[in-house]
Amino acid sequence: KGVGWDPVGRYIASQGDDRAVLVWESREWSLAGRIEEPFLRTSQKTLFRRLSWSPDGQFVCAPHAYKKPAHIAVVLRRPTGTDTSQWRQECDFVGHKAPVVVGAFSPRIFTRGPPAAAEAA
């Protein structure tokens, strides 16, 4: 129901009616991760799901998750190091009364600057 390429071109993530996000490594078309926990209690009442990768490819936002008592979208962090199976849940977008079907990152990468003079004093 949803597919998204990472901007780096290393992974493709898919999400369907199997209540999981599958992440595939594009070099060998091997399964790099299967994330199930936040999707186990979801309904299957959506026609599509649109995953979204962050501009640097470190995160993927996966819609159609559920954490009692509300529907959420989940942000998953790409694994670091050689173990590509350790995709972890970074944060949730909460407060939805119906299933979330689309999540989107800003195309710009924002960084924290130095504290303002008023904050430093």
Foldseek 3Di string as FASTA:
>chain_A
DEWDAFLVRQWIWDDAPVQWIWIAGPVVRHTLEIGHVQRVPFDRPDPAAYKEAALVRQWIWGWGGDDPPWGWIWIWGQDDDDRRHPIHTDDIGDDDHDTDRYDYYDNDDDDDDDDDPVVVD
